[in-house]
């Protein structure tokens, strides 16, 4: 008598698990925005996002049902809460503001200073010893300027010209937060 009941219960559990796994894969990621950074003469990097995900070579974050964000960013497993313009988590403290078409963010990511300013004329971003300063071009979402990083043990920075592309919602004035800030951080921390 017990064996048939256990078999039915096992089959029910297996079916529920299979349905849950299939449901998790039902919704494909279709980005509404993307940040691409290419320092000339090197490999480029990018991070794409929608309302509930941020995906790229160094980022895979998902917005949970409670509004928090969790996943991996720059090789770190993180859980972030956004409240009143502040994005916080263990070893993460960023303040994000928007006024008109200007977007500003600054704070610490695992002890490394991160700061960016984006407006209708330029993008200025810093992460640790790396910087990108780019002016907007006539083409929407296109910026060009300089990128530089001071690598450990070097006496002077490695620098080059850089192109930045703000695609889709990333090109909006103002862009969606925290998606733009986290995508930009992912490209800078690469």
N, C-alpha and C. Protein backbone atom coordinates (compact mmCIF):
# COMPACT_ATOMS: atom_id res chain seq x y z
N UNK A 1 0.82 -1.19 0.00
CA UNK A 1 0.00 0.00 0.00
C UNK A 1 0.87 1.26 0.00
N UNK A 2 1.97 1.24 0.75
CA UNK A 2 2.82 2.42 0.82
C UNK A 2 3.56 2.67 -0.49
N UNK A 3 3.99 1.64 -1.16
CA UNK A 3 4.78 1.80 -2.36
C UNK A 3 4.04 2.57 -3.45
N UNK A 4 2.78 2.24 -3.79
CA UNK A 4 2.07 3.03 -4.80
C UNK A 4 1.90 4.49 -4.38
N UNK A 5 1.66 4.75 -3.10
CA UNK A 5 1.50 6.12 -2.62
C UNK A 5 2.80 6.89 -2.78
N UNK A 6 3.91 6.26 -2.41
CA UNK A 6 5.22 6.91 -2.55
C UNK A 6 5.55 7.16 -4.02
N UNK A 7 5.21 6.21 -4.88
CA UNK A 7 5.47 6.39 -6.31
C UNK A 7 4.66 7.56 -6.87
N UNK A 8 3.38 7.62 -6.48
CA UNK A 8 2.55 8.73 -6.95
C UNK A 8 3.07 10.06 -6.44
N UNK A 9 3.46 10.11 -5.18
CA UNK A 9 3.99 11.33 -4.59
C UNK A 9 5.29 11.74 -5.28
N UNK A 10 6.16 10.77 -5.55
CA UNK A 10 7.42 11.04 -6.25
C UNK A 10 7.15 11.57 -7.66
N UNK A 11 6.19 10.96 -8.36
CA UNK A 11 5.85 11.39 -9.71
C UNK A 11 5.28 12.81 -9.69
N UNK A 12 4.45 13.11 -8.70
CA UNK A 12 3.88 14.45 -8.57
C UNK A 12 4.99 15.47 -8.33
N UNK A 13 5.90 15.17 -7.43
CA UNK A 13 7.01 16.09 -7.13
C UNK A 13 7.88 16.31 -8.36
N UNK A 14 8.18 15.24 -9.09
CA UNK A 14 9.00 15.35 -10.30
C UNK A 14 8.30 16.22 -11.34
N UNK A 15 7.00 16.03 -11.49
CA UNK A 15 6.24 16.84 -12.44
C UNK A 15 6.23 18.31 -12.06
N UNK A 16 6.05 18.61 -10.78
CA UNK A 16 6.06 20.00 -10.33
C UNK A 16 7.42 20.64 -10.54
N UNK A 17 8.49 19.92 -10.25
CA UNK A 17 9.84 20.45 -10.46
C UNK A 17 10.09 20.72 -11.94
N UNK A 18 9.67 19.82 -12.81
CA UNK A 18 9.85 20.00 -14.24
C UNK A 18 9.07 21.21 -14.74
N UNK A 19 7.86 21.39 -14.23
CA UNK A 19 7.04 22.54 -14.63
C UNK A 19 7.67 23.84 -14.15
N UNK A 20 8.21 23.84 -12.94
CA UNK A 20 8.86 25.04 -12.41
C UNK A 20 10.09 25.39 -13.23
N UNK A 21 10.89 24.40 -13.60
CA UNK A 21 12.08 24.64 -14.41
C UNK A 21 11.70 25.17 -15.79
N UNK A 22 10.66 24.61 -16.39
CA UNK A 22 10.22 25.07 -17.70
C UNK A 22 9.70 26.49 -17.62
N UNK A 23 8.97 26.83 -16.56
CA UNK A 23 8.44 28.18 -16.40
C UNK A 23 9.57 29.19 -16.25
N UNK A 24 10.63 28.84 -15.54
CA UNK A 24 11.75 29.75 -15.34
C UNK A 24 12.42 30.07 -16.67
N UNK A 25 12.32 29.18 -17.65
CA UNK A 25 12.95 29.40 -18.94
C UNK A 25 11.98 29.95 -19.97
N UNK A 26 10.72 30.15 -19.62
CA UNK A 26 9.71 30.61 -20.57
C UNK A 26 9.98 32.02 -21.09
N UNK A 27 10.44 32.90 -20.23
CA UNK A 27 10.57 34.30 -20.61
C UNK A 27 11.99 34.56 -21.12
N UNK A 28 12.16 34.75 -22.43
CA UNK A 28 13.49 35.02 -22.95
C UNK A 28 13.92 36.46 -22.61
N UNK A 29 15.20 36.66 -22.49
CA UNK A 29 15.73 38.00 -22.21
C UNK A 29 15.72 38.81 -23.50
N UNK A 30 14.96 39.90 -23.50
CA UNK A 30 14.90 40.80 -24.64
C UNK A 30 15.27 42.19 -24.14
N UNK A 31 16.54 42.58 -24.30
CA UNK A 31 17.00 43.85 -23.73
C UNK A 31 16.28 45.05 -24.33
N UNK A 32 16.01 46.03 -23.46
CA UNK A 32 15.44 47.29 -23.91
C UNK A 32 16.50 48.38 -23.97
N UNK A 33 17.68 48.10 -23.40
CA UNK A 33 18.77 49.06 -23.41
C UNK A 33 20.10 48.35 -23.28
N UNK A 34 21.17 49.07 -23.67
CA UNK A 34 22.51 48.48 -23.60
C UNK A 34 23.55 49.59 -23.53
N UNK A 35 24.62 49.32 -22.79
CA UNK A 35 25.79 50.19 -22.73
C UNK A 35 26.95 49.41 -23.34
N UNK A 36 27.57 49.97 -24.38
CA UNK A 36 28.75 49.36 -25.00
C UNK A 36 29.92 50.33 -24.89
N UNK A 37 31.07 49.81 -24.46
CA UNK A 37 32.28 50.63 -24.34
C UNK A 37 33.39 49.93 -25.11
N UNK A 38 34.05 50.68 -25.99
CA UNK A 38 35.16 50.16 -26.77
C UNK A 38 36.32 51.14 -26.68
N UNK A 39 37.37 50.73 -25.97
CA UNK A 39 38.61 51.50 -25.98
C UNK A 39 39.37 51.05 -27.23
N UNK A 40 39.70 51.98 -28.10
CA UNK A 40 40.28 51.64 -29.39
C UNK A 40 41.56 50.83 -29.22
N UNK A 41 41.70 49.78 -30.02
CA UNK A 41 42.87 48.93 -29.95
C UNK A 41 42.76 47.83 -28.92
N UNK A 42 41.61 47.73 -28.25
CA UNK A 42 41.41 46.68 -27.25
C UNK A 42 40.07 46.02 -27.49
N UNK A 43 39.78 45.03 -26.68
CA UNK A 43 38.47 44.39 -26.73
C UNK A 43 37.43 45.32 -26.11
N UNK A 44 36.23 45.27 -26.59
CA UNK A 44 35.15 46.06 -26.01
C UNK A 44 34.36 45.23 -25.02
N UNK A 45 33.44 45.88 -24.35
CA UNK A 45 32.57 45.19 -23.41
C UNK A 45 31.20 45.85 -23.43
N UNK A 46 30.21 45.15 -22.91
CA UNK A 46 28.87 45.71 -22.89
C UNK A 46 28.05 45.09 -21.77
N UNK A 47 26.93 45.72 -21.49
CA UNK A 47 25.94 45.19 -20.56
C UNK A 47 24.57 45.63 -21.06
N UNK A 48 23.68 44.68 -21.23
CA UNK A 48 22.32 44.95 -21.71
C UNK A 48 21.34 44.78 -20.56
N UNK A 49 20.19 45.46 -20.67
CA UNK A 49 19.22 45.38 -19.58
C UNK A 49 17.80 45.51 -20.09
N UNK A 50 16.87 45.07 -19.24
CA UNK A 50 15.45 45.36 -19.41
C UNK A 50 14.94 45.74 -18.03
N UNK A 51 13.63 45.69 -17.82
CA UNK A 51 13.09 46.09 -16.52
C UNK A 51 13.53 45.18 -15.38
N UNK A 52 13.82 43.92 -15.70
CA UNK A 52 14.09 42.96 -14.64
C UNK A 52 15.41 42.24 -14.69
N UNK A 53 16.27 42.54 -15.68
CA UNK A 53 17.57 41.86 -15.78
C UNK A 53 18.63 42.79 -16.32
N UNK A 54 19.86 42.50 -15.94
CA UNK A 54 21.04 43.16 -16.50
C UNK A 54 22.02 42.04 -16.82
N UNK A 55 22.46 41.95 -18.09
CA UNK A 55 23.26 40.82 -18.55
C UNK A 55 24.45 41.31 -19.37
N UNK A 56 25.61 40.73 -19.13
CA UNK A 56 26.81 41.04 -19.89
C UNK A 56 27.93 40.11 -19.48
N UNK A 57 29.13 40.29 -20.05
CA UNK A 57 30.25 39.41 -19.71
C UNK A 57 30.60 39.39 -18.22
N UNK A 58 30.39 40.51 -17.53
CA UNK A 58 30.73 40.57 -16.11
C UNK A 58 29.53 40.82 -15.21
N UNK A 59 28.32 40.66 -15.76
CA UNK A 59 27.13 40.93 -14.96
C UNK A 59 25.99 39.99 -15.33
N UNK A 60 25.27 39.53 -14.32
CA UNK A 60 24.04 38.77 -14.50
C UNK A 60 23.18 39.02 -13.26
N UNK A 61 22.39 40.07 -13.32
CA UNK A 61 21.54 40.47 -12.20
C UNK A 61 20.07 40.34 -12.57
N UNK A 62 19.26 39.99 -11.59
CA UNK A 62 17.82 39.85 -11.77
C UNK A 62 17.10 40.61 -10.67
N UNK A 63 16.05 41.35 -11.07
CA UNK A 63 15.21 42.00 -10.06
C UNK A 63 14.26 40.95 -9.49
N UNK A 64 14.28 40.84 -8.18
CA UNK A 64 13.41 39.87 -7.51
C UNK A 64 12.03 40.49 -7.29
N UNK A 65 11.07 39.65 -6.91
CA UNK A 65 9.70 40.11 -6.71
C UNK A 65 9.58 41.22 -5.69
N UNK A 66 10.48 41.26 -4.70
CA UNK A 66 10.42 42.30 -3.67
C UNK A 66 11.11 43.60 -4.11
N UNK A 67 11.60 43.66 -5.37
CA UNK A 67 12.23 44.87 -5.89
C UNK A 67 13.73 44.93 -5.71
N UNK A 68 14.31 43.99 -4.96
CA UNK A 68 15.76 43.96 -4.80
C UNK A 68 16.39 43.33 -6.03
N UNK A 69 17.68 43.56 -6.21
CA UNK A 69 18.44 42.99 -7.32
C UNK A 69 19.45 41.99 -6.77
N UNK A 70 19.63 40.86 -7.44
CA UNK A 70 20.58 39.85 -6.97
C UNK A 70 21.22 39.15 -8.16
N UNK A 71 22.45 38.68 -7.93
CA UNK A 71 23.18 37.95 -8.96
C UNK A 71 24.66 38.22 -8.85
N UNK A 72 25.32 38.25 -10.00
CA UNK A 72 26.77 38.45 -10.06
C UNK A 72 27.10 39.75 -10.77
N UNK A 73 28.08 40.47 -10.23
CA UNK A 73 28.58 41.69 -10.86
C UNK A 73 30.08 41.77 -10.58
N UNK A 74 30.86 41.83 -11.65
CA UNK A 74 32.32 41.95 -11.54
C UNK A 74 32.91 40.84 -10.67
N UNK A 75 32.42 39.63 -10.84
CA UNK A 75 32.94 38.49 -10.10
C UNK A 75 32.49 38.40 -8.66
N UNK A 76 31.53 39.23 -8.28
CA UNK A 76 31.02 39.22 -6.90
C UNK A 76 29.56 38.80 -6.89
N UNK A 77 29.20 37.99 -5.92
CA UNK A 77 27.82 37.59 -5.72
C UNK A 77 27.18 38.67 -4.84
N UNK A 78 26.17 39.37 -5.38
CA UNK A 78 25.61 40.51 -4.65
C UNK A 78 24.10 40.44 -4.53
N UNK A 79 23.59 41.11 -3.52
CA UNK A 79 22.16 41.35 -3.33
C UNK A 79 22.03 42.83 -3.00
N UNK A 80 21.23 43.55 -3.78
CA UNK A 80 21.13 45.00 -3.65
C UNK A 80 19.70 45.44 -3.42
N UNK A 81 19.56 46.45 -2.59
CA UNK A 81 18.26 47.05 -2.31
C UNK A 81 18.32 48.50 -2.77
N UNK A 82 17.26 48.97 -3.43
CA UNK A 82 17.22 50.38 -3.82
C UNK A 82 16.11 51.05 -3.05
N UNK A 83 16.47 52.15 -2.40
CA UNK A 83 15.52 52.90 -1.59
C UNK A 83 15.93 54.36 -1.58
N UNK A 84 15.00 55.22 -1.98
CA UNK A 84 15.20 56.67 -1.95
C UNK A 84 16.51 57.08 -2.63
N UNK A 85 16.77 56.54 -3.83
CA UNK A 85 17.94 56.92 -4.59
C UNK A 85 19.24 56.32 -4.11
N UNK A 86 19.18 55.39 -3.20
CA UNK A 86 20.40 54.75 -2.69
C UNK A 86 20.34 53.26 -3.00
N UNK A 87 21.40 52.75 -3.61
CA UNK A 87 21.53 51.34 -3.95
C UNK A 87 22.54 50.74 -2.97
N UNK A 88 22.06 49.84 -2.11
CA UNK A 88 22.92 49.32 -1.05
C UNK A 88 22.88 47.80 -0.96
N UNK A 89 23.97 47.26 -0.46
CA UNK A 89 24.12 45.84 -0.19
C UNK A 89 25.44 45.65 0.52
N UNK A 90 25.79 44.42 0.83
CA UNK A 90 27.07 44.16 1.48
C UNK A 90 28.20 44.65 0.57
N UNK A 91 29.00 45.59 1.06
CA UNK A 91 30.13 46.17 0.34
C UNK A 91 29.72 47.02 -0.87
N UNK A 92 28.47 47.43 -0.95
CA UNK A 92 28.00 48.29 -2.04
C UNK A 92 27.18 49.42 -1.45
N UNK A 93 27.53 50.65 -1.82
CA UNK A 93 26.78 51.82 -1.37
C UNK A 93 26.88 52.89 -2.45
N UNK A 94 25.83 53.01 -3.26
CA UNK A 94 25.81 53.97 -4.36
C UNK A 94 24.61 54.90 -4.21
N UNK A 95 24.84 56.18 -4.46
CA UNK A 95 23.77 57.17 -4.46
C UNK A 95 23.51 57.54 -5.92
N UNK A 96 22.26 57.44 -6.35
CA UNK A 96 21.87 57.71 -7.74
C UNK A 96 20.87 58.85 -7.77
N UNK A 97 21.12 59.86 -8.62
CA UNK A 97 20.20 60.99 -8.73
C UNK A 97 19.97 61.34 -10.20
N UNK A 98 18.80 61.91 -10.45
CA UNK A 98 18.46 62.41 -11.78
C UNK A 98 17.79 63.76 -11.62
N UNK A 99 18.22 64.71 -12.44
CA UNK A 99 17.61 66.03 -12.46
C UNK A 99 17.55 66.47 -13.91
N UNK A 100 16.34 66.59 -14.44
CA UNK A 100 16.19 66.89 -15.85
C UNK A 100 16.77 65.76 -16.67
N UNK A 101 17.68 66.09 -17.60
CA UNK A 101 18.31 65.06 -18.42
C UNK A 101 19.64 64.58 -17.82
N UNK A 102 20.03 65.11 -16.67
CA UNK A 102 21.30 64.73 -16.05
C UNK A 102 21.12 63.57 -15.07
N UNK A 103 22.02 62.61 -15.17
CA UNK A 103 22.02 61.45 -14.27
C UNK A 103 23.38 61.38 -13.61
N UNK A 104 23.38 61.19 -12.30
CA UNK A 104 24.62 61.17 -11.52
C UNK A 104 24.60 59.97 -10.58
N UNK A 105 25.74 59.36 -10.41
CA UNK A 105 25.88 58.27 -9.45
C UNK A 105 27.26 58.29 -8.84
N UNK A 106 27.32 57.96 -7.56
CA UNK A 106 28.63 57.85 -6.93
C UNK A 106 28.53 57.02 -5.67
N UNK A 107 29.67 56.42 -5.32
CA UNK A 107 29.72 55.62 -4.10
C UNK A 107 30.84 54.61 -4.18
N UNK A 108 30.68 53.55 -3.39
CA UNK A 108 31.71 52.51 -3.30
C UNK A 108 31.16 51.16 -3.72
N UNK A 109 31.97 50.42 -4.46
CA UNK A 109 31.69 49.05 -4.83
C UNK A 109 32.88 48.22 -4.35
N UNK A 110 32.69 47.48 -3.25
CA UNK A 110 33.75 46.68 -2.65
C UNK A 110 35.00 47.53 -2.40
N UNK A 111 34.81 48.70 -1.84
CA UNK A 111 35.92 49.57 -1.47
C UNK A 111 36.52 50.36 -2.61
N UNK A 112 36.00 50.20 -3.82
CA UNK A 112 36.50 50.93 -4.98
C UNK A 112 35.51 52.03 -5.33
N UNK A 113 36.01 53.25 -5.46
CA UNK A 113 35.15 54.39 -5.76
C UNK A 113 34.62 54.31 -7.19
N UNK A 114 33.31 54.55 -7.33
CA UNK A 114 32.65 54.59 -8.64
C UNK A 114 31.87 55.89 -8.71
N UNK A 115 32.02 56.58 -9.83
CA UNK A 115 31.32 57.85 -10.01
C UNK A 115 31.04 58.04 -11.50
N UNK A 116 29.84 58.54 -11.81
CA UNK A 116 29.55 58.87 -13.21
C UNK A 116 28.60 60.05 -13.29
N UNK A 117 28.73 60.80 -14.38
CA UNK A 117 27.83 61.89 -14.73
C UNK A 117 27.49 61.73 -16.20
N UNK A 118 26.20 61.70 -16.51
CA UNK A 118 25.73 61.58 -17.88
C UNK A 118 24.68 62.64 -18.10
N UNK A 119 24.87 63.43 -19.17
CA UNK A 119 23.86 64.43 -19.52
C UNK A 119 23.78 64.52 -21.04
N UNK A 120 23.13 65.55 -21.53
CA UNK A 120 22.93 65.70 -22.97
C UNK A 120 24.19 66.00 -23.75
N UNK A 121 25.29 66.30 -23.05
CA UNK A 121 26.54 66.65 -23.73
C UNK A 121 27.66 65.64 -23.56
N UNK A 122 27.69 64.91 -22.42
CA UNK A 122 28.86 64.07 -22.17
C UNK A 122 28.58 62.95 -21.17
N UNK A 123 29.54 62.05 -21.10
CA UNK A 123 29.61 61.01 -20.07
C UNK A 123 30.99 61.10 -19.44
N UNK A 124 31.02 61.21 -18.15
CA UNK A 124 32.26 61.16 -17.40
C UNK A 124 32.09 60.07 -16.35
N UNK A 125 32.94 59.04 -16.41
CA UNK A 125 32.81 57.91 -15.49
C UNK A 125 34.18 57.52 -14.95
N UNK A 126 34.20 57.15 -13.67
CA UNK A 126 35.43 56.71 -13.02
C UNK A 126 35.12 55.47 -12.18
N UNK A 127 35.99 54.49 -12.29
CA UNK A 127 35.91 53.31 -11.42
C UNK A 127 37.34 52.99 -11.00
N UNK A 128 37.63 53.21 -9.73
CA UNK A 128 38.99 52.98 -9.25
C UNK A 128 39.96 53.85 -10.01
N UNK A 129 40.96 53.23 -10.64
CA UNK A 129 41.98 53.95 -11.39
C UNK A 129 41.66 54.06 -12.88
N UNK A 130 40.42 53.74 -13.27
CA UNK A 130 40.02 53.81 -14.68
C UNK A 130 39.03 54.94 -14.90
N UNK A 131 39.11 55.55 -16.07
CA UNK A 131 38.24 56.68 -16.38
C UNK A 131 37.80 56.64 -17.85
N UNK A 132 36.61 57.11 -18.10
CA UNK A 132 36.11 57.32 -19.46
C UNK A 132 35.50 58.72 -19.49
N UNK A 133 35.96 59.54 -20.41
CA UNK A 133 35.39 60.87 -20.63
C UNK A 133 35.04 60.97 -22.10
N UNK A 134 33.75 61.10 -22.41
CA UNK A 134 33.31 61.09 -23.80
C UNK A 134 32.24 62.14 -24.03
N UNK A 135 32.31 62.78 -25.20
CA UNK A 135 31.30 63.77 -25.60
C UNK A 135 30.31 63.12 -26.55
N UNK A 136 29.07 63.60 -26.47
CA UNK A 136 28.03 63.08 -27.37
C UNK A 136 28.31 63.55 -28.80
N UNK A 137 28.05 62.64 -29.73
CA UNK A 137 28.14 62.95 -31.16
C UNK A 137 26.74 63.29 -31.66
N UNK A 138 26.63 63.66 -32.92
CA UNK A 138 25.31 63.99 -33.47
C UNK A 138 24.39 62.78 -33.54
N UNK A 139 24.96 61.61 -33.80
CA UNK A 139 24.15 60.39 -33.86
C UNK A 139 23.63 60.05 -32.46
N UNK A 140 22.34 59.75 -32.31
CA UNK A 140 21.78 59.46 -30.99
C UNK A 140 22.50 58.31 -30.28
N UNK A 141 22.81 58.53 -29.01
CA UNK A 141 23.42 57.49 -28.19
C UNK A 141 24.89 57.23 -28.45
N UNK A 142 25.50 57.99 -29.33
CA UNK A 142 26.91 57.79 -29.68
C UNK A 142 27.78 58.83 -28.97
N UNK A 143 28.83 58.35 -28.30
CA UNK A 143 29.77 59.24 -27.62
C UNK A 143 31.19 58.82 -27.99
N UNK A 144 32.11 59.79 -27.98
CA UNK A 144 33.50 59.49 -28.28
C UNK A 144 34.38 60.34 -27.40
N UNK A 145 35.47 59.74 -26.93
CA UNK A 145 36.39 60.48 -26.07
C UNK A 145 37.60 59.65 -25.72
N UNK A 146 38.00 59.72 -24.45
CA UNK A 146 39.21 59.05 -23.99
C UNK A 146 38.91 58.08 -22.86
N UNK A 147 39.73 57.03 -22.79
CA UNK A 147 39.67 56.07 -21.69
C UNK A 147 41.09 55.85 -21.20
N UNK A 148 41.24 55.69 -19.90
CA UNK A 148 42.56 55.46 -19.33
C UNK A 148 42.44 54.65 -18.05
N UNK A 149 43.46 53.83 -17.78
CA UNK A 149 43.55 53.06 -16.54
C UNK A 149 44.99 53.06 -16.07
N UNK A 150 45.19 53.24 -14.78
CA UNK A 150 46.50 53.10 -14.17
C UNK A 150 46.55 51.70 -13.57
N UNK A 151 47.31 50.83 -14.17
CA UNK A 151 47.41 49.45 -13.71
C UNK A 151 48.43 49.34 -12.58
N UNK A 152 48.20 48.40 -11.69
CA UNK A 152 49.08 48.18 -10.54
C UNK A 152 50.52 47.98 -11.02
N UNK A 153 51.44 48.73 -10.42
CA UNK A 153 52.86 48.61 -10.75
C UNK A 153 53.29 49.50 -11.90
N UNK A 154 52.34 50.11 -12.60
CA UNK A 154 52.70 50.99 -13.73
C UNK A 154 52.96 52.40 -13.22
N UNK A 155 53.87 53.10 -13.89
CA UNK A 155 54.18 54.47 -13.46
C UNK A 155 53.34 55.50 -14.22
N UNK A 156 52.69 55.09 -15.30
CA UNK A 156 51.80 56.00 -16.03
C UNK A 156 50.62 55.21 -16.58
N UNK A 157 49.51 55.89 -16.85
CA UNK A 157 48.30 55.17 -17.27
C UNK A 157 48.38 54.66 -18.70
N UNK A 158 47.64 53.61 -18.94
CA UNK A 158 47.40 53.12 -20.29
C UNK A 158 46.17 53.87 -20.79
N UNK A 159 46.29 54.54 -21.93
CA UNK A 159 45.16 55.34 -22.40
C UNK A 159 44.93 55.12 -23.89
N UNK A 160 43.71 55.43 -24.32
CA UNK A 160 43.35 55.34 -25.73
C UNK A 160 42.09 56.14 -25.98
N UNK A 161 41.75 56.29 -27.22
CA UNK A 161 40.46 56.86 -27.59
C UNK A 161 39.40 55.81 -27.28
N UNK A 162 38.18 56.25 -27.06
CA UNK A 162 37.10 55.32 -26.71
C UNK A 162 35.80 55.73 -27.38
N UNK A 163 35.00 54.73 -27.68
CA UNK A 163 33.64 54.94 -28.17
C UNK A 163 32.69 54.35 -27.15
N UNK A 164 31.60 55.05 -26.89
CA UNK A 164 30.56 54.57 -26.00
C UNK A 164 29.25 54.62 -26.78
N UNK A 165 28.50 53.53 -26.74
CA UNK A 165 27.19 53.49 -27.37
C UNK A 165 26.14 53.28 -26.29
N UNK A 166 25.17 54.16 -26.26
CA UNK A 166 24.00 54.01 -25.39
C UNK A 166 22.85 53.63 -26.31
N UNK A 167 22.38 52.41 -26.17
CA UNK A 167 21.40 51.85 -27.10
C UNK A 167 20.05 51.71 -26.41
N UNK A 168 18.98 51.99 -27.14
CA UNK A 168 17.63 51.83 -26.61
C UNK A 168 17.38 52.71 -25.40
N UNK A 169 16.85 52.12 -24.32
CA UNK A 169 16.52 52.88 -23.12
C UNK A 169 17.74 53.54 -22.48
N UNK A 170 18.94 53.02 -22.72
CA UNK A 170 20.15 53.63 -22.17
C UNK A 170 20.37 55.03 -22.74
N UNK A 171 19.83 55.29 -23.94
CA UNK A 171 19.98 56.60 -24.58
C UNK A 171 18.90 57.59 -24.15
N UNK A 172 17.91 57.13 -23.39
CA UNK A 172 16.85 58.03 -22.92
C UNK A 172 17.41 59.11 -22.00
N UNK A 173 16.78 60.25 -22.01
CA UNK A 173 17.15 61.33 -21.08
C UNK A 173 15.95 61.62 -20.20
N UNK A 174 15.91 61.15 -18.96
CA UNK A 174 16.96 60.38 -18.28
C UNK A 174 16.80 58.88 -18.53
N UNK A 175 17.89 58.13 -18.40
CA UNK A 175 17.84 56.67 -18.57
C UNK A 175 17.28 55.99 -17.32
N UNK A 176 16.87 54.73 -17.43
CA UNK A 176 16.31 54.02 -16.26
C UNK A 176 17.40 53.70 -15.22
N UNK A 177 17.04 53.91 -13.97
CA UNK A 177 17.92 53.55 -12.85
C UNK A 177 17.25 52.47 -12.03
N UNK A 178 17.96 51.54 -11.46
CA UNK A 178 19.42 51.45 -11.39
C UNK A 178 20.06 50.76 -12.58
N UNK A 179 19.29 50.38 -13.61
CA UNK A 179 19.82 49.60 -14.71
C UNK A 179 21.03 50.26 -15.37
N UNK A 180 20.93 51.55 -15.72
CA UNK A 180 22.05 52.21 -16.38
C UNK A 180 23.28 52.21 -15.49
N UNK A 181 23.12 52.54 -14.22
CA UNK A 181 24.26 52.61 -13.30
C UNK A 181 24.94 51.25 -13.18
N UNK A 182 24.18 50.19 -13.03
CA UNK A 182 24.76 48.86 -12.88
C UNK A 182 25.39 48.37 -14.19
N UNK A 183 24.79 48.70 -15.33
CA UNK A 183 25.37 48.34 -16.62
C UNK A 183 26.68 49.09 -16.83
N UNK A 184 26.71 50.36 -16.50
CA UNK A 184 27.93 51.15 -16.64
C UNK A 184 29.02 50.64 -15.69
N UNK A 185 28.64 50.33 -14.46
CA UNK A 185 29.60 49.76 -13.51
C UNK A 185 30.17 48.45 -14.05
N UNK A 186 29.33 47.61 -14.63
CA UNK A 186 29.79 46.33 -15.18
C UNK A 186 30.79 46.55 -16.31
N UNK A 187 30.58 47.56 -17.15
CA UNK A 187 31.52 47.81 -18.25
C UNK A 187 32.82 48.41 -17.74
N UNK A 188 32.76 49.21 -16.70
CA UNK A 188 33.97 49.83 -16.14
C UNK A 188 34.78 48.82 -15.33
N UNK A 189 34.12 47.88 -14.68
CA UNK A 189 34.81 46.92 -13.81
C UNK A 189 35.35 45.73 -14.59
N UNK A 190 35.15 45.73 -15.89
CA UNK A 190 35.56 44.61 -16.74
C UNK A 190 37.07 44.42 -16.70
